[in-house]
Amino acid sequence: MTNTNNEALCPLCHKENGCMAGGLERCWCHDVTVPQALLDLVPEPLRNQACICRSCIEKFTSS
């Protein structure tokens, strides 16, 4: 399954990312620091296209 620039999907796990920044003033993703090492795992064509989901961030930071 390929995530082809769908802002509602996490670019890592391809599940809904829960980001509401497009429609709301603030979203949960605005209050989370995503480690650069995790951002580096996002495939180049998908970088800066969609938020990484909370689950992927938590899994990465807890390991």
C-alpha atoms as a PDB file:
ATOM      1  CA  MET A   1       0.000   0.000   0.000  1.00  0.00           C
ATOM      2  CA  THR A   2       1.407   3.378  -0.943  1.00  0.00           C
ATOM      3  CA  ASN A   3       0.617   6.667   0.726  1.00  0.00           C
ATOM      4  CA  THR A   4       0.391   9.013  -2.231  1.00  0.00           C
ATOM      5  CA  ASN A   5       0.289  12.445  -0.622  1.00  0.00           C
ATOM      6  CA  ASN A   6      -2.847  11.939   1.472  1.00  0.00           C
ATOM      7  CA  GLU A   7      -2.648  14.501   4.293  1.00  0.00           C
ATOM      8  CA  ALA A   8      -5.019  12.431   6.464  1.00  0.00           C
ATOM      9  CA  LEU A   9      -2.666   9.418   6.523  1.00  0.00           C
ATOM     10  CA  CYS A  10       0.534   8.909   8.450  1.00  0.00           C
ATOM     11  CA  PRO A  11       3.419   8.661   5.975  1.00  0.00           C
ATOM     12  CA  LEU A  12       4.929   5.810   8.015  1.00  0.00           C
ATOM     13  CA  CYS A  13       2.094   3.412   8.924  1.00  0.00           C
ATOM     14  CA  HIS A  14      -0.473   4.672   6.382  1.00  0.00           C
ATOM     15  CA  LYS A  15      -3.241   4.844   9.014  1.00  0.00           C
ATOM     16  CA  GLU A  16      -5.239   7.975   9.819  1.00  0.00           C
ATOM     17  CA  ASN A  17      -3.001  10.499  11.547  1.00  0.00           C
ATOM     18  CA  GLY A  18      -5.774  12.326  13.402  1.00  0.00           C
ATOM     19  CA  CYS A  19      -4.393  15.717  12.394  1.00  0.00           C
ATOM     20  CA  MET A  20      -6.976  18.473  12.306  1.00  0.00           C
ATOM     21  CA  ALA A  21      -4.630  21.373  11.575  1.00  0.00           C
ATOM     22  CA  GLY A  22      -6.252  21.980   8.203  1.00  0.00           C
ATOM     23  CA  GLY A  23      -9.590  22.805   9.797  1.00  0.00           C
ATOM     24  CA  LEU A  24      -8.800  24.002  13.305  1.00  0.00           C
ATOM     25  CA  GLU A  25      -6.639  26.655  14.875  1.00  0.00           C
ATOM     26  CA  ARG A  26      -4.683  24.084  16.937  1.00  0.00           C
ATOM     27  CA  CYS A  27      -4.196  20.344  16.743  1.00  0.00           C
ATOM     28  CA  TRP A  28      -2.493  17.775  18.972  1.00  0.00           C
ATOM     29  CA  CYS A  29       0.391  17.704  16.501  1.00  0.00           C
ATOM     30  CA  HIS A  30       1.254  21.340  17.274  1.00  0.00           C
ATOM     31  CA  ASP A  31       2.122  20.383  20.855  1.00  0.00           C
ATOM     32  CA  VAL A  32       4.323  17.383  20.084  1.00  0.00           C
ATOM     33  CA  THR A  33       8.018  17.400  19.322  1.00  0.00           C
ATOM     34  CA  VAL A  34       8.781  14.829  16.652  1.00  0.00           C
ATOM     35  CA  PRO A  35      12.360  13.567  16.862  1.00  0.00           C
ATOM     36  CA  GLN A  36      14.433  14.352  13.779  1.00  0.00           C
ATOM     37  CA  ALA A  37      15.460  10.688  13.572  1.00  0.00           C
ATOM     38  CA  LEU A  38      11.793   9.748  13.121  1.00  0.00           C
ATOM     39  CA  LEU A  39      11.228  12.477  10.549  1.00  0.00           C
ATOM     40  CA  ASP A  40      14.207  11.088   8.646  1.00  0.00           C
ATOM     41  CA  LEU A  41      12.364   7.764   8.280  1.00  0.00           C
ATOM     42  CA  VAL A  42       9.629   9.364   6.168  1.00  0.00           C
ATOM     43  CA  PRO A  43      10.187   8.529   2.490  1.00  0.00           C
ATOM     44  CA  GLU A  44      11.508  11.555   0.588  1.00  0.00           C
ATOM     45  CA  PRO A  45       8.419  12.066  -1.634  1.00  0.00           C
ATOM     46  CA  LEU A  46       6.160  12.150   1.452  1.00  0.00           C
ATOM     47  CA  ARG A  47       8.201  14.529   3.621  1.00  0.00           C
ATOM     48  CA  ASN A  48       6.354  17.655   4.758  1.00  0.00           C
ATOM     49  CA  GLN A  49       3.144  16.338   3.217  1.00  0.00           C
ATOM     50  CA  ALA A  50       1.326  14.849   6.225  1.00  0.00           C
ATOM     51  CA  CYS A  51       1.708  14.483   9.981  1.00  0.00           C
ATOM     52  CA  ILE A  52       3.179  11.377  11.519  1.00  0.00           C
ATOM     53  CA  CYS A  53       0.476   9.817  13.707  1.00  0.00           C
ATOM     54  CA  ARG A  54       0.583   9.879  17.495  1.00  0.00           C
ATOM     55  CA  SER A  55       0.973   6.089  17.614  1.00  0.00           C
ATOM     56  CA  CYS A  56       4.132   6.107  15.460  1.00  0.00           C
ATOM     57  CA  ILE A  57       5.600   8.943  17.510  1.00  0.00           C
ATOM     58  CA  GLU A  58       4.877   7.150  20.796  1.00  0.00           C
ATOM     59  CA  LYS A  59       6.300   3.848  19.530  1.00  0.00           C
ATOM     60  CA  PHE A  60       9.473   5.572  18.366  1.00  0.00           C
ATOM     61  CA  THR A  61      10.012   7.590  21.516  1.00  0.00           C
ATOM     62  CA  SER A  62       9.323   4.638  23.841  1.00  0.00           C
ATOM     63  CA  SER A  63      11.852   2.349  22.199  1.00  0.00           C
END
